[in-house]
């Protein structure tokens, strides 16, 4: 689970209780809302930090198998 998605799950009930304009009638984030933009930013930052500490290894640089 990504950082922004986890935070969204935690604070969505609060947003519903406060009737914030971030949510539609079904309780989903509106794509153009500031809340959705913050979620995407947190997801991006979480992925960037993860990639710094656990970089992806280049798949093409695998050693050749011995024959």
Protein backbone atom coordinates (compact mmCIF):
# COMPACT_ATOMS: atom_id res chain seq x y z
CA UNK A 1 0.00 0.00 0.00
CA UNK A 2 1.30 3.42 -0.85
CA UNK A 3 1.67 6.26 1.66
CA UNK A 4 -1.02 8.51 0.16
CA UNK A 5 -3.52 5.66 -0.07
CA UNK A 6 -2.92 4.70 3.57
CA UNK A 7 -3.46 8.26 4.76
CA UNK A 8 -6.58 8.53 2.60
CA UNK A 9 -8.10 5.48 4.29
CA UNK A 10 -7.34 6.91 7.73
CA UNK A 11 -8.76 10.39 7.18
CA UNK A 12 -11.65 9.65 4.79
CA UNK A 13 -14.15 9.16 7.67
CA UNK A 14 -13.13 12.55 9.07
CA UNK A 15 -13.62 14.19 5.67
CA UNK A 16 -17.06 12.59 5.37
CA UNK A 17 -18.05 13.77 8.84
CA UNK A 18 -16.96 17.32 8.05
CA UNK A 19 -18.65 17.27 4.63
CA UNK A 20 -15.47 18.38 2.88
CA UNK A 21 -15.77 19.12 -0.86
CA UNK A 22 -13.05 16.53 -1.64
CA UNK A 23 -15.54 13.65 -1.75
CA UNK A 24 -18.41 12.83 -4.07
CA UNK A 25 -21.78 11.44 -2.93
CA UNK A 26 -20.36 7.88 -2.83
CA UNK A 27 -17.42 8.85 -0.61
CA UNK A 28 -14.78 8.66 -3.35
CA UNK A 29 -12.14 11.34 -3.87
CA UNK A 30 -12.87 13.73 -6.67
CA UNK A 31 -9.92 13.55 -9.12
CA UNK A 32 -9.61 17.34 -9.46
CA UNK A 33 -9.79 18.05 -5.71
CA UNK A 34 -6.86 19.20 -3.62
CA UNK A 35 -7.18 16.07 -1.49
CA UNK A 36 -6.62 13.82 -4.52
CA UNK A 37 -3.64 15.90 -5.60
CA UNK A 38 -2.08 15.60 -2.14
CA UNK A 39 -2.65 11.83 -2.18
CA UNK A 40 -0.84 11.57 -5.54
CA UNK A 41 2.02 13.72 -4.23
CA UNK A 42 2.40 11.52 -1.14
CA UNK A 43 2.35 8.40 -3.31
CA UNK A 44 5.07 9.86 -5.53
CA UNK A 45 7.23 10.93 -2.58
CA UNK A 46 6.82 7.56 -0.89
CA UNK A 47 7.92 5.79 -4.06
CA UNK A 48 10.90 8.15 -4.45
CA UNK A 49 12.09 7.56 -0.88
CA UNK A 50 11.65 3.80 -1.29
CA UNK A 51 13.71 3.86 -4.50
CA UNK A 52 16.52 5.74 -2.71
CA UNK A 53 16.88 3.10 0.00
CA UNK A 54 15.99 0.04 -2.09
CA UNK A 55 16.99 0.79 -5.69
CA UNK A 56 15.69 -1.46 -8.41
CA UNK A 57 18.37 -3.64 -9.90
CA UNK A 58 18.82 -3.59 -13.63
CA UNK A 59 17.23 -6.75 -14.97
CA UNK A 60 19.42 -6.69 -18.09
CA UNK A 61 22.65 -6.96 -16.09
CA UNK A 62 22.02 -10.53 -14.88
CA UNK A 63 25.11 -12.71 -15.13
CA UNK A 64 25.07 -15.33 -17.84
CA UNK A 65 24.06 -18.79 -16.80
CA UNK A 66 26.88 -21.33 -16.89
CA UNK A 67 26.42 -23.93 -19.60
